[in-house]
PDB file of N, CA and C in Angstrom:
ATOM      1  N   MET A   1      13.294  22.010 -91.463  1.00  0.00           N
ATOM      2  CA  MET A   1      13.610  21.246 -92.660  1.00  0.00           C
ATOM      3  C   MET A   1      12.329  20.607 -93.188  1.00  0.00           C
ATOM      4  N   LEU A   2      12.186  20.618 -94.480  1.00  0.00           N
ATOM      5  CA  LEU A   2      10.996  20.063 -95.128  1.00  0.00           C
ATOM      6  C   LEU A   2      11.051  18.543 -95.098  1.00  0.00           C
ATOM      7  N   SER A   3       9.953  17.923 -94.707  1.00  0.00           N
ATOM      8  CA  SER A   3       9.863  16.474 -94.716  1.00  0.00           C
ATOM      9  C   SER A   3       9.077  16.035 -95.937  1.00  0.00           C
ATOM     10  N   LEU A   4       9.670  15.171 -96.746  1.00  0.00           N
ATOM     11  CA  LEU A   4       9.001  14.690 -97.946  1.00  0.00           C
ATOM     12  C   LEU A   4       8.607  13.241 -97.776  1.00  0.00           C
ATOM     13  N   THR A   5       7.502  12.868 -98.364  1.00  0.00           N
ATOM     14  CA  THR A   5       7.095  11.474 -98.307  1.00  0.00           C
ATOM     15  C   THR A   5       7.684  10.722 -99.490  1.00  0.00           C
ATOM     16  N   LEU A   6       7.805   9.432 -99.345  1.00  0.00           N
ATOM     17  CA  LEU A   6       8.324   8.615-100.438  1.00  0.00           C
ATOM     18  C   LEU A   6       7.428   8.693-101.662  1.00  0.00           C
ATOM     19  N   LEU A   7       6.124   8.841-101.453  1.00  0.00           N
ATOM     20  CA  LEU A   7       5.204   8.902-102.581  1.00  0.00           C
ATOM     21  C   LEU A   7       5.457  10.104-103.471  1.00  0.00           C
ATOM     22  N   SER A   8       5.981  11.200-102.899  1.00  0.00           N
ATOM     23  CA  SER A   8       6.205  12.393-103.700  1.00  0.00           C
ATOM     24  C   SER A   8       7.368  12.237-104.665  1.00  0.00           C
ATOM     25  N   CYS A   9       8.214  11.241-104.441  1.00  0.00           N
ATOM     26  CA  CYS A   9       9.398  11.055-105.276  1.00  0.00           C
ATOM     27  C   CYS A   9       9.421   9.713-105.980  1.00  0.00           C
ATOM     28  N   GLY A  10       8.410   8.920-105.815  1.00  0.00           N
ATOM     29  CA  GLY A  10       8.385   7.627-106.458  1.00  0.00           C
ATOM     30  C   GLY A  10       8.839   6.541-105.496  1.00  0.00           C
ATOM     31  N   PRO A  11       8.988   5.309-106.007  1.00  0.00           N
ATOM     32  CA  PRO A  11       9.346   4.188-105.144  1.00  0.00           C
ATOM     33  C   PRO A  11      10.798   4.272-104.687  1.00  0.00           C
ATOM     34  N   GLY A  12      11.073   3.652-103.547  1.00  0.00           N
ATOM     35  CA  GLY A  12      12.442   3.582-103.055  1.00  0.00           C
ATOM     36  C   GLY A  12      12.826   4.770-102.201  1.00  0.00           C
ATOM     37  N   PRO A  13      14.062   4.738-101.678  1.00  0.00           N
ATOM     38  CA  PRO A  13      14.517   5.816-100.792  1.00  0.00           C
ATOM     39  C   PRO A  13      14.735   7.123-101.560  1.00  0.00           C
ATOM     40  N   ILE A  14      14.639   8.229-100.828  1.00  0.00           N
ATOM     41  CA  ILE A  14      14.830   9.552-101.410  1.00  0.00           C
ATOM     42  C   ILE A  14      16.316   9.871-101.448  1.00  0.00           C
ATOM     43  N   GLY A  15      16.752  10.409-102.580  1.00  0.00           N
ATOM     44  CA  GLY A  15      18.138  10.833-102.719  1.00  0.00           C
ATOM     45  C   GLY A  15      18.208  12.295-103.087  1.00  0.00           C
ATOM     46  N   SER A  16      19.423  12.818-103.064  1.00  0.00           N
ATOM     47  CA  SER A  16      19.661  14.188-103.481  1.00  0.00           C
ATOM     48  C   SER A  16      20.993  14.246-104.215  1.00  0.00           C
ATOM     49  N   ILE A  17      21.445  15.439-104.576  1.00  0.00           N
ATOM     50  CA  ILE A  17      22.605  15.585-105.453  1.00  0.00           C
ATOM     51  C   ILE A  17      23.950  15.441-104.765  1.00  0.00           C
ATOM     52  N   GLY A  18      23.985  15.470-103.434  1.00  0.00           N
ATOM     53  CA  GLY A  18      25.267  15.323-102.738  1.00  0.00           C
ATOM     54  C   GLY A  18      26.078  16.601-102.720  1.00  0.00           C
ATOM     55  N   ALA A  19      25.408  17.729-102.497  1.00  0.00           N
ATOM     56  CA  ALA A  19      26.085  19.018-102.380  1.00  0.00           C
ATOM     57  C   ALA A  19      25.374  19.858-101.328  1.00  0.00           C
ATOM     58  N   VAL A  20      26.114  20.786-100.748  1.00  0.00           N
ATOM     59  CA  VAL A  20      25.531  21.748 -99.828  1.00  0.00           C
ATOM     60  C   VAL A  20      25.411  23.062-100.584  1.00  0.00           C
ATOM     61  N   LEU A  21      24.206  23.595-100.616  1.00  0.00           N
ATOM     62  CA  LEU A  21      23.938  24.845-101.315  1.00  0.00           C
ATOM     63  C   LEU A  21      23.613  25.922-100.298  1.00  0.00           C
ATOM     64  N   SER A  22      23.868  27.163-100.666  1.00  0.00           N
ATOM     65  CA  SER A  22      23.492  28.277 -99.809  1.00  0.00           C
ATOM     66  C   SER A  22      22.978  29.413-100.681  1.00  0.00           C
ATOM     67  N   ARG A  23      22.156  30.247-100.076  1.00  0.00           N
ATOM     68  CA  ARG A  23      21.610  31.401-100.790  1.00  0.00           C
ATOM     69  C   ARG A  23      22.273  32.656-100.238  1.00  0.00           C
ATOM     70  N   ASP A  24      22.768  33.500-101.130  1.00  0.00           N
ATOM     71  CA  ASP A  24      23.311  34.794-100.747  1.00  0.00           C
ATOM     72  C   ASP A  24      22.130  35.666-100.322  1.00  0.00           C
ATOM     73  N   THR A  25      22.131  36.111 -99.072  1.00  0.00           N
ATOM     74  CA  THR A  25      20.985  36.859 -98.557  1.00  0.00           C
ATOM     75  C   THR A  25      20.876  38.247 -99.172  1.00  0.00           C
ATOM     76  N   ASN A  26      21.928  38.734 -99.827  1.00  0.00           N
ATOM     77  CA  ASN A  26      21.869  40.046-100.483  1.00  0.00           C
ATOM     78  C   ASN A  26      21.358  39.946-101.920  1.00  0.00           C
ATOM     79  N   THR A  27      21.849  38.956-102.671  1.00  0.00           N
ATOM     80  CA  THR A  27      21.495  38.857-104.095  1.00  0.00           C
ATOM     81  C   THR A  27      20.417  37.824-104.380  1.00  0.00           C
ATOM     82  N   GLY A  28      20.215  36.873-103.475  1.00  0.00           N
ATOM     83  CA  GLY A  28      19.257  35.793-103.699  1.00  0.00           C
ATOM     84  C   GLY A  28      19.828  34.651-104.519  1.00  0.00           C
ATOM     85  N   GLY A  29      21.079  34.780-104.972  1.00  0.00           N
ATOM     86  CA  GLY A  29      21.711  33.732-105.763  1.00  0.00           C
ATOM     87  C   GLY A  29      21.966  32.477-104.946  1.00  0.00           C
ATOM     88  N   VAL A  30      21.799  31.319-105.587  1.00  0.00           N
ATOM     89  CA  VAL A  30      22.032  30.028-104.937  1.00  0.00           C
ATOM     90  C   VAL A  30      23.388  29.504-105.406  1.00  0.00           C
ATOM     91  N   HIS A  31      24.273  29.234-104.445  1.00  0.00           N
ATOM     92  CA  HIS A  31      25.637  28.814-104.754  1.00  0.00           C
ATOM     93  C   HIS A  31      25.952  27.462-104.138  1.00  0.00           C
ATOM     94  N   VAL A  32      26.887  26.757-104.762  1.00  0.00           N
ATOM     95  CA  VAL A  32      27.382  25.501-104.211  1.00  0.00           C
ATOM     96  C   VAL A  32      28.411  25.856-103.148  1.00  0.00           C
ATOM     97  N   ARG A  33      28.135  25.453-101.926  1.00  0.00           N
ATOM     98  CA  ARG A  33      29.063  25.696-100.822  1.00  0.00           C
ATOM     99  C   ARG A  33      30.053  24.548-100.696  1.00  0.00           C
ATOM    100  N   GLU A  34      29.548  23.319-100.821  1.00  0.00           N
ATOM    101  CA  GLU A  34      30.394  22.125-100.746  1.00  0.00           C
ATOM    102  C   GLU A  34      29.901  21.100-101.753  1.00  0.00           C
ATOM    103  N   ALA A  35      30.848  20.393-102.367  1.00  0.00           N
ATOM    104  CA  ALA A  35      30.543  19.268-103.262  1.00  0.00           C
ATOM    105  C   ALA A  35      31.537  18.159-102.910  1.00  0.00           C
ATOM    106  N   PRO A  36      31.242  17.395-101.846  1.00  0.00           N
ATOM    107  CA  PRO A  36      32.183  16.386-101.361  1.00  0.00           C
ATOM    108  C   PRO A  36      32.539  15.342-102.425  1.00  0.00           C
ATOM    109  N   GLU A  37      33.806  14.983-102.433  1.00  0.00           N
ATOM    110  CA  GLU A  37      34.294  13.957-103.366  1.00  0.00           C
ATOM    111  C   GLU A  37      33.505  12.671-103.210  1.00  0.00           C
ATOM    112  N   GLY A  38      33.268  12.011-104.336  1.00  0.00           N
ATOM    113  CA  GLY A  38      32.596  10.723-104.331  1.00  0.00           C
ATOM    114  C   GLY A  38      31.083  10.802-104.372  1.00  0.00           C
ATOM    115  N   LEU A  39      30.525  12.000-104.237  1.00  0.00           N
ATOM    116  CA  LEU A  39      29.072  12.144-104.302  1.00  0.00           C
ATOM    117  C   LEU A  39      28.669  12.657-105.678  1.00  0.00           C
ATOM    118  N   GLY A  40      27.385  12.577-105.991  1.00  0.00           N
ATOM    119  CA  GLY A  40      26.880  12.868-107.324  1.00  0.00           C
ATOM    120  C   GLY A  40      27.294  14.211-107.892  1.00  0.00           C
ATOM    121  N   ALA A  41      27.186  15.274-107.097  1.00  0.00           N
ATOM    122  CA  ALA A  41      27.511  16.609-107.603  1.00  0.00           C
ATOM    123  C   ALA A  41      28.966  16.687-108.049  1.00  0.00           C
ATOM    124  N   ALA A  42      29.873  16.249-107.192  1.00  0.00           N
ATOM    125  CA  ALA A  42      31.304  16.305-107.531  1.00  0.00           C
ATOM    126  C   ALA A  42      31.622  15.411-108.724  1.00  0.00           C
ATOM    127  N   GLU A  43      31.021  14.226-108.766  1.00  0.00           N
ATOM    128  CA  GLU A  43      31.281  13.305-109.874  1.00  0.00           C
ATOM    129  C   GLU A  43      30.797  13.861-111.208  1.00  0.00           C
ATOM    130  N   SER A  44      29.801  14.747-111.180  1.00  0.00           N
ATOM    131  CA  SER A  44      29.304  15.335-112.428  1.00  0.00           C
ATOM    132  C   SER A  44      30.081  16.591-112.822  1.00  0.00           C
ATOM    133  N   GLY A  45      31.000  17.034-111.960  1.00  0.00           N
ATOM    134  CA  GLY A  45      31.824  18.199-112.279  1.00  0.00           C
ATOM    135  C   GLY A  45      31.432  19.478-111.576  1.00  0.00           C
ATOM    136  N   ILE A  46      30.468  19.425-110.668  1.00  0.00           N
ATOM    137  CA  ILE A  46      30.071  20.617-109.920  1.00  0.00           C
ATOM    138  C   ILE A  46      31.154  20.954-108.904  1.00  0.00           C
ATOM    139  N   LEU A  47      31.444  22.255-108.776  1.00  0.00           N
ATOM    140  CA  LEU A  47      32.502  22.732-107.880  1.00  0.00           C
ATOM    141  C   LEU A  47      31.952  23.753-106.889  1.00  0.00           C
ATOM    142  N   PRO A  48      32.560  23.820-105.697  1.00  0.00           N
ATOM    143  CA  PRO A  48      32.190  24.900-104.780  1.00  0.00           C
ATOM    144  C   PRO A  48      32.367  26.245-105.485  1.00  0.00           C
ATOM    145  N   GLY A  49      31.414  27.132-105.269  1.00  0.00           N
ATOM    146  CA  GLY A  49      31.451  28.438-105.922  1.00  0.00           C
ATOM    147  C   GLY A  49      30.578  28.524-107.155  1.00  0.00           C
ATOM    148  N   ASP A  50      30.213  27.379-107.748  1.00  0.00           N
ATOM    149  CA  ASP A  50      29.301  27.403-108.892  1.00  0.00           C
ATOM    150  C   ASP A  50      27.976  28.024-108.442  1.00  0.00           C
ATOM    151  N   ARG A  51      27.348  28.775-109.338  1.00  0.00           N
ATOM    152  CA  ARG A  51      26.035  29.340-109.034  1.00  0.00           C
ATOM    153  C   ARG A  51      24.976  28.507-109.730  1.00  0.00           C
ATOM    154  N   LEU A  52      24.046  27.989-108.951  1.00  0.00           N
ATOM    155  CA  LEU A  52      22.954  27.184-109.490  1.00  0.00           C
ATOM    156  C   LEU A  52      21.892  28.112-110.064  1.00  0.00           C
ATOM    157  N   LYS A  53      21.568  27.931-111.344  1.00  0.00           N
ATOM    158  CA  LYS A  53      20.545  28.748-111.992  1.00  0.00           C
ATOM    159  C   LYS A  53      19.259  27.974-112.253  1.00  0.00           C
ATOM    160  N   MET A  54      19.390  26.688-112.668  1.00  0.00           N
ATOM    161  CA  MET A  54      18.201  25.907-112.994  1.00  0.00           C
ATOM    162  C   MET A  54      18.357  24.462-112.525  1.00  0.00           C
ATOM    163  N   VAL A  55      17.222  23.868-112.183  1.00  0.00           N
ATOM    164  CA  VAL A  55      17.125  22.444-111.879  1.00  0.00           C
ATOM    165  C   VAL A  55      16.088  21.888-112.848  1.00  0.00           C
ATOM    166  N   ASP A  56      16.520  21.009-113.731  1.00  0.00           N
ATOM    167  CA  ASP A  56      15.637  20.464-114.773  1.00  0.00           C
ATOM    168  C   ASP A  56      14.871  21.573-115.497  1.00  0.00           C
ATOM    169  N   GLY A  57      15.563  22.653-115.830  1.00  0.00           N
ATOM    170  CA  GLY A  57      14.975  23.740-116.599  1.00  0.00           C
ATOM    171  C   GLY A  57      14.150  24.743-115.812  1.00  0.00           C
ATOM    172  N   VAL A  58      14.058  24.585-114.499  1.00  0.00           N
ATOM    173  CA  VAL A  58      13.293  25.501-113.657  1.00  0.00           C
ATOM    174  C   VAL A  58      14.257  26.483-112.990  1.00  0.00           C
ATOM    175  N   LEU A  59      14.063  27.791-113.212  1.00  0.00           N
ATOM    176  CA  LEU A  59      14.901  28.816-112.587  1.00  0.00           C
ATOM    177  C   LEU A  59      14.726  28.788-111.077  1.00  0.00           C
ATOM    178  N   VAL A  60      15.840  28.870-110.330  1.00  0.00           N
ATOM    179  CA  VAL A  60      15.763  28.738-108.877  1.00  0.00           C
ATOM    180  C   VAL A  60      15.947  30.040-108.103  1.00  0.00           C
ATOM    181  N   ASP A  61      16.376  31.108-108.759  1.00  0.00           N
ATOM    182  CA  ASP A  61      16.691  32.346-108.036  1.00  0.00           C
ATOM    183  C   ASP A  61      15.554  32.855-107.154  1.00  0.00           C
ATOM    184  N   GLU A  62      14.327  32.729-107.603  1.00  0.00           N
ATOM    185  CA  GLU A  62      13.211  33.269-106.831  1.00  0.00           C
ATOM    186  C   GLU A  62      12.397  32.199-106.107  1.00  0.00           C
ATOM    187  N   LEU A  63      12.872  30.958-106.157  1.00  0.00           N
ATOM    188  CA  LEU A  63      12.166  29.876-105.460  1.00  0.00           C
ATOM    189  C   LEU A  63      12.580  29.843-103.999  1.00  0.00           C
ATOM    190  N   ASP A  64      11.647  29.441-103.143  1.00  0.00           N
ATOM    191  CA  ASP A  64      12.023  29.299-101.740  1.00  0.00           C
ATOM    192  C   ASP A  64      12.743  27.965-101.529  1.00  0.00           C
ATOM    193  N   ARG A  65      13.322  27.849-100.369  1.00  0.00           N
ATOM    194  CA  ARG A  65      14.123  26.678-100.019  1.00  0.00           C
ATOM    195  C   ARG A  65      13.363  25.367-100.216  1.00  0.00           C
ATOM    196  N   SER A  66      12.122  25.333 -99.781  1.00  0.00           N
ATOM    197  CA  SER A  66      11.339  24.103 -99.871  1.00  0.00           C
ATOM    198  C   SER A  66      11.148  23.658-101.314  1.00  0.00           C
ATOM    199  N   ARG A  67      10.885  24.602-102.199  1.00  0.00           N
ATOM    200  CA  ARG A  67      10.662  24.256-103.614  1.00  0.00           C
ATOM    201  C   ARG A  67      11.955  23.751-104.249  1.00  0.00           C
ATOM    202  N   ILE A  68      13.082  24.366-103.892  1.00  0.00           N
ATOM    203  CA  ILE A  68      14.371  23.906-104.429  1.00  0.00           C
ATOM    204  C   ILE A  68      14.658  22.486-103.938  1.00  0.00           C
ATOM    205  N   GLN A  69      14.375  22.218-102.671  1.00  0.00           N
ATOM    206  CA  GLN A  69      14.571  20.871-102.134  1.00  0.00           C
ATOM    207  C   GLN A  69      13.763  19.847-102.914  1.00  0.00           C
ATOM    208  N   VAL A  70      12.503  20.168-103.199  1.00  0.00           N
ATOM    209  CA  VAL A  70      11.639  19.243-103.941  1.00  0.00           C
ATOM    210  C   VAL A  70      12.236  18.952-105.320  1.00  0.00           C
ATOM    211  N   LEU A  71      12.784  19.986-105.974  1.00  0.00           N
ATOM    212  CA  LEU A  71      13.378  19.796-107.301  1.00  0.00           C
ATOM    213  C   LEU A  71      14.646  18.944-107.251  1.00  0.00           C
ATOM    214  N   LEU A  72      15.439  19.108-106.199  1.00  0.00           N
ATOM    215  CA  LEU A  72      16.716  18.394-106.107  1.00  0.00           C
ATOM    216  C   LEU A  72      16.558  16.942-105.660  1.00  0.00           C
ATOM    217  N   ARG A  73      15.516  16.664-104.915  1.00  0.00           N
ATOM    218  CA  ARG A  73      15.328  15.317-104.369  1.00  0.00           C
ATOM    219  C   ARG A  73      14.523  14.446-105.311  1.00  0.00           C
ATOM    220  N   GLY A  74      14.780  13.145-105.215  1.00  0.00           N
ATOM    221  CA  GLY A  74      14.057  12.166-106.014  1.00  0.00           C
ATOM    222  C   GLY A  74      14.567  10.790-105.674  1.00  0.00           C
ATOM    223  N   PRO A  75      14.088   9.778-106.346  1.00  0.00           N
ATOM    224  CA  PRO A  75      14.531   8.420-106.049  1.00  0.00           C
ATOM    225  C   PRO A  75      16.043   8.282-106.227  1.00  0.00           C
ATOM    226  N   VAL A  76      16.662   7.550-105.320  1.00  0.00           N
ATOM    227  CA  VAL A  76      18.098   7.263-105.436  1.00  0.00           C
ATOM    228  C   VAL A  76      18.355   6.623-106.797  1.00  0.00           C
ATOM    229  N   GLY A  77      19.374   7.121-107.499  1.00  0.00           N
ATOM    230  CA  GLY A  77      19.721   6.608-108.817  1.00  0.00           C
ATOM    231  C   GLY A  77      19.091   7.371-109.966  1.00  0.00           C
ATOM    232  N   SER A  78      18.074   8.190-109.670  1.00  0.00           N
ATOM    233  CA  SER A  78      17.481   9.000-110.735  1.00  0.00           C
ATOM    234  C   SER A  78      18.406  10.173-111.049  1.00  0.00           C
ATOM    235  N   LYS A  79      18.174  10.800-112.186  1.00  0.00           N
ATOM    236  CA  LYS A  79      19.055  11.874-112.640  1.00  0.00           C
ATOM    237  C   LYS A  79      18.312  13.201-112.683  1.00  0.00           C
ATOM    238  N   VAL A  80      19.084  14.273-112.501  1.00  0.00           N
ATOM    239  CA  VAL A  80      18.570  15.632-112.572  1.00  0.00           C
ATOM    240  C   VAL A  80      19.607  16.458-113.320  1.00  0.00           C
ATOM    241  N   VAL A  81      19.141  17.401-114.155  1.00  0.00           N
ATOM    242  CA  VAL A  81      20.060  18.260-114.897  1.00  0.00           C
ATOM    243  C   VAL A  81      20.113  19.622-114.213  1.00  0.00           C
ATOM    244  N   LEU A  82      21.324  20.008-113.817  1.00  0.00           N
ATOM    245  CA  LEU A  82      21.543  21.302-113.186  1.00  0.00           C
ATOM    246  C   LEU A  82      22.223  22.239-114.170  1.00  0.00           C
ATOM    247  N   THR A  83      21.748  23.458-114.234  1.00  0.00           N
ATOM    248  CA  THR A  83      22.401  24.493-115.021  1.00  0.00           C
ATOM    249  C   THR A  83      23.124  25.386-114.034  1.00  0.00           C
ATOM    250  N   VAL A  84      24.445  25.479-114.191  1.00  0.00           N
ATOM    251  CA  VAL A  84      25.258  26.267-113.274  1.00  0.00           C
ATOM    252  C   VAL A  84      26.077  27.286-114.054  1.00  0.00           C
ATOM    253  N   LEU A  85      26.382  28.387-113.370  1.00  0.00           N
ATOM    254  CA  LEU A  85      27.282  29.397-113.907  1.00  0.00           C
ATOM    255  C   LEU A  85      28.616  29.259-113.199  1.00  0.00           C
ATOM    256  N   ARG A  86      29.680  29.226-113.989  1.00  0.00           N
ATOM    257  CA  ARG A  86      31.040  29.171-113.450  1.00  0.00           C
ATOM    258  C   ARG A  86      31.835  30.231-114.207  1.00  0.00           C
ATOM    259  N   GLY A  87      32.013  31.373-113.560  1.00  0.00           N
ATOM    260  CA  GLY A  87      32.633  32.490-114.267  1.00  0.00           C
ATOM    261  C   GLY A  87      31.729  32.904-115.412  1.00  0.00           C
ATOM    262  N   ASP A  88      32.269  32.921-116.630  1.00  0.00           N
ATOM    263  CA  ASP A  88      31.489  33.283-117.820  1.00  0.00           C
ATOM    264  C   ASP A  88      30.850  32.080-118.497  1.00  0.00           C
ATOM    265  N   GLU A  89      31.095  30.891-117.963  1.00  0.00           N
ATOM    266  CA  GLU A  89      30.579  29.663-118.578  1.00  0.00           C
ATOM    267  C   GLU A  89      29.191  29.305-118.043  1.00  0.00           C
ATOM    268  N   VAL A  90      28.359  28.760-118.930  1.00  0.00           N
ATOM    269  CA  VAL A  90      27.075  28.165-118.548  1.00  0.00           C
ATOM    270  C   VAL A  90      27.215  26.671-118.791  1.00  0.00           C
ATOM    271  N   LEU A  91      27.043  25.885-117.731  1.00  0.00           N
ATOM    272  CA  LEU A  91      27.206  24.431-117.820  1.00  0.00           C
ATOM    273  C   LEU A  91      25.890  23.734-117.515  1.00  0.00           C
ATOM    274  N   HIS A  92      25.586  22.689-118.277  1.00  0.00           N
ATOM    275  CA  HIS A  92      24.413  21.841-118.035  1.00  0.00           C
ATOM    276  C   HIS A  92      24.963  20.473-117.632  1.00  0.00           C
ATOM    277  N   LEU A  93      24.823  20.144-116.354  1.00  0.00           N
ATOM    278  CA  LEU A  93      25.436  18.936-115.815  1.00  0.00           C
ATOM    279  C   LEU A  93      24.377  17.976-115.293  1.00  0.00           C
ATOM    280  N   GLU A  94      24.482  16.714-115.709  1.00  0.00           N
ATOM    281  CA  GLU A  94      23.555  15.685-115.236  1.00  0.00           C
ATOM    282  C   GLU A  94      24.131  15.057-113.967  1.00  0.00           C
ATOM    283  N   VAL A  95      23.315  15.055-112.916  1.00  0.00           N
ATOM    284  CA  VAL A  95      23.737  14.535-111.617  1.00  0.00           C
ATOM    285  C   VAL A  95      22.847  13.355-111.243  1.00  0.00           C
ATOM    286  N   THR A  96      23.470  12.289-110.762  1.00  0.00           N
ATOM    287  CA  THR A  96      22.731  11.124-110.271  1.00  0.00           C
ATOM    288  C   THR A  96      22.474  11.306-108.778  1.00  0.00           C
ATOM    289  N   ARG A  97      21.209  11.221-108.391  1.00  0.00           N
ATOM    290  CA  ARG A  97      20.856  11.367-106.970  1.00  0.00           C
ATOM    291  C   ARG A  97      21.370  10.167-106.186  1.00  0.00           C
ATOM    292  N   GLN A  98      21.892  10.450-104.992  1.00  0.00           N
ATOM    293  CA  GLN A  98      22.429   9.427-104.106  1.00  0.00           C
ATOM    294  C   GLN A  98      21.750   9.527-102.748  1.00  0.00           C
ATOM    295  N   PRO A  99      21.863   8.476-101.930  1.00  0.00           N
ATOM    296  CA  PRO A  99      21.224   8.529-100.611  1.00  0.00           C
ATOM    297  C   PRO A  99      21.685   9.755 -99.827  1.00  0.00           C
ATOM    298  N   MET A 100      20.755  10.328 -99.093  1.00  0.00           N
ATOM    299  CA  MET A 100      21.085  11.511 -98.305  1.00  0.00           C
ATOM    300  C   MET A 100      21.738  11.095 -97.002  1.00  0.00           C
ATOM    301  N   GLY A 101      22.757  11.849 -96.586  1.00  0.00           N
ATOM    302  CA  GLY A 101      23.455  11.582 -95.336  1.00  0.00           C
ATOM    303  C   GLY A 101      23.302  12.746 -94.383  1.00  0.00           C
ATOM    304  N   LYS A 102      24.122  12.745 -93.374  1.00  0.00           N
ATOM    305  CA  LYS A 102      24.088  13.821 -92.393  1.00  0.00           C
ATOM    306  C   LYS A 102      24.621  15.098 -93.038  1.00  0.00           C
ATOM    307  N   ALA A 103      23.875  16.176 -92.866  1.00  0.00           N
ATOM    308  CA  ALA A 103      24.246  17.450 -93.482  1.00  0.00           C
ATOM    309  C   ALA A 103      25.174  18.246 -92.577  1.00  0.00           C
ATOM    310  N   PRO A 104      26.150  18.941 -93.173  1.00  0.00           N
ATOM    311  CA  PRO A 104      27.045  19.782 -92.391  1.00  0.00           C
ATOM    312  C   PRO A 104      26.331  20.999 -91.811  1.00  0.00           C
ATOM    313  N   THR A 105      26.938  21.601 -90.808  1.00  0.00           N
ATOM    314  CA  THR A 105      26.391  22.798 -90.179  1.00  0.00           C
ATOM    315  C   THR A 105      26.618  24.010 -91.076  1.00  0.00           C
ATOM    316  N   MET A 106      25.595  24.855 -91.181  1.00  0.00           N
ATOM    317  CA  MET A 106      25.687  26.050 -92.018  1.00  0.00           C
ATOM    318  C   MET A 106      26.038  27.273 -91.173  1.00  0.00           C
ATOM    319  N   ALA A 107      26.706  28.232 -91.779  1.00  0.00           N
ATOM    320  CA  ALA A 107      26.970  29.513 -91.120  1.00  0.00           C
ATOM    321  C   ALA A 107      25.652  30.259 -90.949  1.00  0.00           C
ATOM    322  N   PRO A 108      25.523  31.061 -89.890  1.00  0.00           N
ATOM    323  CA  PRO A 108      24.248  31.725 -89.608  1.00  0.00           C
ATOM    324  C   PRO A 108      23.749  32.658 -90.711  1.00  0.00           C
ATOM    325  N   ALA A 109      24.629  33.223 -91.537  1.00  0.00           N
ATOM    326  CA  ALA A 109      24.212  34.159 -92.591  1.00  0.00           C
ATOM    327  C   ALA A 109      23.739  33.449 -93.847  1.00  0.00           C
ATOM    328  N   GLU A 110      23.706  32.129 -93.821  1.00  0.00           N
ATOM    329  CA  GLU A 110      23.315  31.380 -94.997  1.00  0.00           C
ATOM    330  C   GLU A 110      22.038  30.607 -94.740  1.00  0.00           C
ATOM    331  N   GLU A 111      21.279  30.401 -95.796  1.00  0.00           N
ATOM    332  CA  GLU A 111      20.063  29.607 -95.730  1.00  0.00           C
ATOM    333  C   GLU A 111      20.375  28.234 -96.322  1.00  0.00           C
ATOM    334  N   ARG A 112      20.090  27.182 -95.606  1.00  0.00           N
ATOM    335  CA  ARG A 112      20.386  25.821 -96.043  1.00  0.00           C
ATOM    336  C   ARG A 112      19.376  25.341 -97.072  1.00  0.00           C
ATOM    337  N   ILE A 113      19.880  24.778 -98.186  1.00  0.00           N
ATOM    338  CA  ILE A 113      19.045  24.205 -99.233  1.00  0.00           C
ATOM    339  C   ILE A 113      19.605  22.839 -99.555  1.00  0.00           C
ATOM    340  N   GLU A 114      18.870  21.768 -99.284  1.00  0.00           N
ATOM    341  CA  GLU A 114      19.361  20.413 -99.571  1.00  0.00           C
ATOM    342  C   GLU A 114      18.580  19.827-100.713  1.00  0.00           C
TER     343      GLU A 114
END
């Protein structure tokens, strides 16, 4: 897991979007695996199964896990705009970063992206 310093994200504790993402090892697509109730992702309307395409306008399909983590993380309370595909819809959703908690266990065929 990538360790980030507080200086890389500004003052205060580091937060993230409050979702578990995984990469399909066949297509390279990044999908929402879990969006727990009460956390930023779910509160902004993100659902399990959504495909993440962009973080603040940056395409994520060809980015490695570490780069995606850097884009998703930032000071608690800061906002990030995610572009997701849901069926035929393209959604631009603003998510407020929240304190990071204990992450769930991932299945072996998936790559963890926090």
